[in-house]
Amino acid sequence: MSERPDSPLESRETPGGSDPATGMDTDLPVHLVLACALSLAVVLAATAGASWAIFGVERHRLTALDPKPSPIARATLPAVPAGPLLQRNPPADMAALLAEETAALQGYGWADEEAGTARIPIDRAIDLMADKGVRAALSGTDSPSPGGGP
């Protein structure tokens, strides 16, 4: 039977060397851990590079297989105006749009002059609808139909 030291101080081994209870080595060799990490990084880089190359080749191959666009389709395409189509001042454009819409909702004017359809302020339209009712306003009469039916 082998003798075991009673305390870690009596041990002749360096700290962290082996576990006295199991007799197994508990240290990991640093050079092996670094070699594994480096190998993993190399494999990942090679895989990424190979994927990039394969997708590039396939993109060019599939683009070459695309049919040529029809000249008829090109002739019917709408013309794109030249220059950037950006707003120079979006807040001012929005304020102008809101002012235009507010003027249309709050003023009198023609909706369709040829058909004789006029536009009235929204508040006035609400008052008329409340006074006459929806059916009277749609039928063009000034009073609701008798009997309350259609």
Protein backbone atom coordinates (compact mmCIF):
# COMPACT_ATOMS: atom_id res chain seq x y z
CA MET A 1 0.00 0.00 0.00
CA SER A 2 1.38 3.38 -0.94
CA GLU A 3 1.71 6.08 1.56
CA ARG A 4 -0.29 9.24 1.04
CA PRO A 5 0.68 12.55 2.52
CA ASP A 6 -1.59 13.79 5.30
CA SER A 7 -1.65 17.39 4.08
CA PRO A 8 -1.07 19.17 0.75
CA LEU A 9 1.99 20.81 2.27
CA GLU A 10 3.68 17.45 2.55
CA SER A 11 3.04 16.71 -1.14
CA ARG A 12 6.10 16.70 -3.35
CA GLU A 13 4.09 17.67 -6.46
CA THR A 14 3.61 21.21 -7.64
CA PRO A 15 0.18 22.77 -7.05
CA GLY A 16 -2.29 22.12 -9.84
CA GLY A 17 -0.36 19.13 -11.14
CA SER A 18 -2.47 16.09 -10.35
CA ASP A 19 -5.43 15.36 -8.14
CA PRO A 20 -4.29 13.24 -5.15
CA ALA A 21 -7.71 11.63 -4.79
CA THR A 22 -7.92 10.33 -8.38
CA GLY A 23 -4.31 10.39 -9.44
CA MET A 24 -5.27 12.14 -12.72
CA ASP A 25 -3.56 15.13 -14.27
CA THR A 26 -5.77 18.27 -13.93
CA ASP A 27 -3.79 20.74 -16.04
CA LEU A 28 -4.57 21.30 -19.70
CA PRO A 29 -1.64 21.85 -22.01
CA VAL A 30 -1.96 25.44 -23.22
CA HIS A 31 -0.31 24.71 -26.53
CA LEU A 32 -2.99 22.11 -27.37
CA VAL A 33 -5.84 24.51 -26.51
CA LEU A 34 -4.29 27.21 -28.70
CA ALA A 35 -3.73 24.72 -31.52
CA CYS A 36 -7.40 23.67 -31.40
CA ALA A 37 -8.59 27.29 -31.42
CA LEU A 38 -6.30 28.14 -34.32
CA SER A 39 -7.45 25.05 -36.26
CA LEU A 40 -11.08 26.01 -35.73
CA ALA A 41 -10.44 29.57 -36.94
CA VAL A 42 -8.67 28.26 -40.06
CA VAL A 43 -11.51 25.85 -40.86
CA LEU A 44 -14.12 28.60 -40.41
CA ALA A 45 -12.19 31.01 -42.63
CA ALA A 46 -11.73 28.36 -45.32
CA THR A 47 -15.43 27.49 -45.22
CA ALA A 48 -16.45 31.15 -45.50
CA GLY A 49 -14.06 31.71 -48.41
CA ALA A 50 -15.26 28.61 -50.24
CA SER A 51 -18.91 29.62 -49.76
CA TRP A 52 -18.21 33.12 -51.06
CA ALA A 53 -16.46 31.73 -54.14
CA ILE A 54 -19.19 29.18 -54.88
CA PHE A 55 -21.98 31.76 -54.59
CA GLY A 56 -20.08 34.19 -56.82
CA VAL A 57 -19.61 31.56 -59.54
CA GLU A 58 -23.26 30.49 -59.30
CA ARG A 59 -24.50 34.08 -59.47
CA HIS A 60 -22.61 34.67 -62.72
CA ARG A 61 -23.71 31.32 -64.16
CA LEU A 62 -27.38 31.90 -63.36
CA THR A 63 -27.27 35.50 -64.63
CA ALA A 64 -25.95 34.21 -67.96
CA LEU A 65 -28.93 31.81 -68.17
CA ASP A 66 -31.50 34.62 -67.75
CA PRO A 67 -33.45 35.40 -70.92
CA LYS A 68 -32.85 38.72 -72.65
CA PRO A 69 -35.54 41.36 -71.91
CA SER A 70 -38.14 41.89 -74.62
CA PRO A 71 -37.75 45.05 -76.72
CA ILE A 72 -41.52 45.54 -76.43
CA ALA A 73 -41.29 45.62 -72.65
CA ARG A 74 -38.49 48.18 -72.83
CA ALA A 75 -40.54 50.39 -75.16
CA THR A 76 -43.50 50.45 -72.75
CA LEU A 77 -41.49 51.27 -69.63
CA PRO A 78 -42.34 54.69 -68.18
CA ALA A 79 -39.63 57.29 -68.55
CA VAL A 80 -37.80 57.99 -65.31
CA PRO A 81 -37.19 61.67 -64.70
CA ALA A 82 -33.58 62.72 -64.52
CA GLY A 83 -31.96 63.65 -61.25
CA PRO A 84 -32.70 62.58 -57.71
CA LEU A 85 -36.36 62.48 -56.74
CA LEU A 86 -35.84 63.66 -53.19
CA GLN A 87 -37.64 66.29 -51.18
CA ARG A 88 -35.49 69.27 -50.40
CA ASN A 89 -37.49 70.29 -47.31
CA PRO A 90 -39.88 67.54 -46.09
CA PRO A 91 -41.37 69.55 -43.17
CA ALA A 92 -42.24 72.45 -45.49
CA ASP A 93 -43.70 70.04 -48.07
CA MET A 94 -45.84 68.41 -45.38
CA ALA A 95 -47.03 71.81 -44.11
CA ALA A 96 -47.98 72.83 -47.67
CA LEU A 97 -49.90 69.58 -48.18
CA LEU A 98 -51.78 70.01 -44.88
CA ALA A 99 -52.61 73.62 -45.76
CA GLU A 100 -53.96 72.54 -49.17
CA GLU A 101 -56.08 69.77 -47.63
CA THR A 102 -57.37 72.06 -44.88
CA ALA A 103 -58.37 74.69 -47.47
CA ALA A 104 -60.24 72.03 -49.45
CA LEU A 105 -62.09 70.83 -46.32
CA GLN A 106 -62.95 74.29 -45.03
CA GLY A 107 -63.83 76.17 -48.22
CA TYR A 108 -66.34 76.27 -51.05
CA GLY A 109 -65.44 75.21 -54.56
CA TRP A 110 -66.16 72.89 -57.43
CA ALA A 111 -65.52 69.18 -56.99
CA ASP A 112 -66.56 68.58 -60.63
CA GLU A 113 -67.73 71.72 -62.43
CA GLU A 114 -68.88 69.88 -65.56
CA ALA A 115 -71.14 67.58 -63.51
CA GLY A 116 -72.30 70.49 -61.33
CA THR A 117 -70.91 68.98 -58.10
CA ALA A 118 -69.82 71.55 -55.56
CA ARG A 119 -67.71 71.26 -52.45
CA ILE A 120 -68.83 72.81 -49.15
CA PRO A 121 -66.98 73.12 -45.83
CA ILE A 122 -66.93 69.93 -43.80
CA ASP A 123 -68.55 71.55 -40.75
CA ARG A 124 -71.46 72.80 -42.91
CA ALA A 125 -71.88 69.33 -44.45
CA ILE A 126 -72.03 67.74 -41.00
CA ASP A 127 -74.67 70.26 -39.89
CA LEU A 128 -76.77 69.61 -43.02
CA MET A 129 -76.54 65.85 -42.55
CA ALA A 130 -77.58 66.19 -38.89
CA ASP A 131 -80.54 68.45 -39.77
CA LYS A 132 -81.90 66.63 -42.84
CA GLY A 133 -80.70 63.09 -42.36
CA VAL A 134 -78.61 60.93 -44.64
CA ARG A 135 -81.47 59.66 -46.83
CA ALA A 136 -82.81 63.15 -47.49
CA ALA A 137 -79.35 64.43 -48.38
CA LEU A 138 -78.75 61.54 -50.79
CA SER A 139 -82.18 61.76 -52.45
CA GLY A 140 -81.95 65.53 -52.90
CA THR A 141 -85.11 66.36 -50.93
CA ASP A 142 -85.27 68.79 -48.03
CA SER A 143 -87.23 66.56 -45.67
CA PRO A 144 -87.08 62.92 -44.69
CA SER A 145 -89.44 60.54 -46.48
CA PRO A 146 -92.87 60.03 -44.84
CA GLY A 147 -93.29 57.02 -42.62
CA GLY A 148 -89.58 56.82 -41.94
CA GLY A 149 -89.15 54.11 -44.59
CA PRO A 150 -87.04 54.13 -47.70
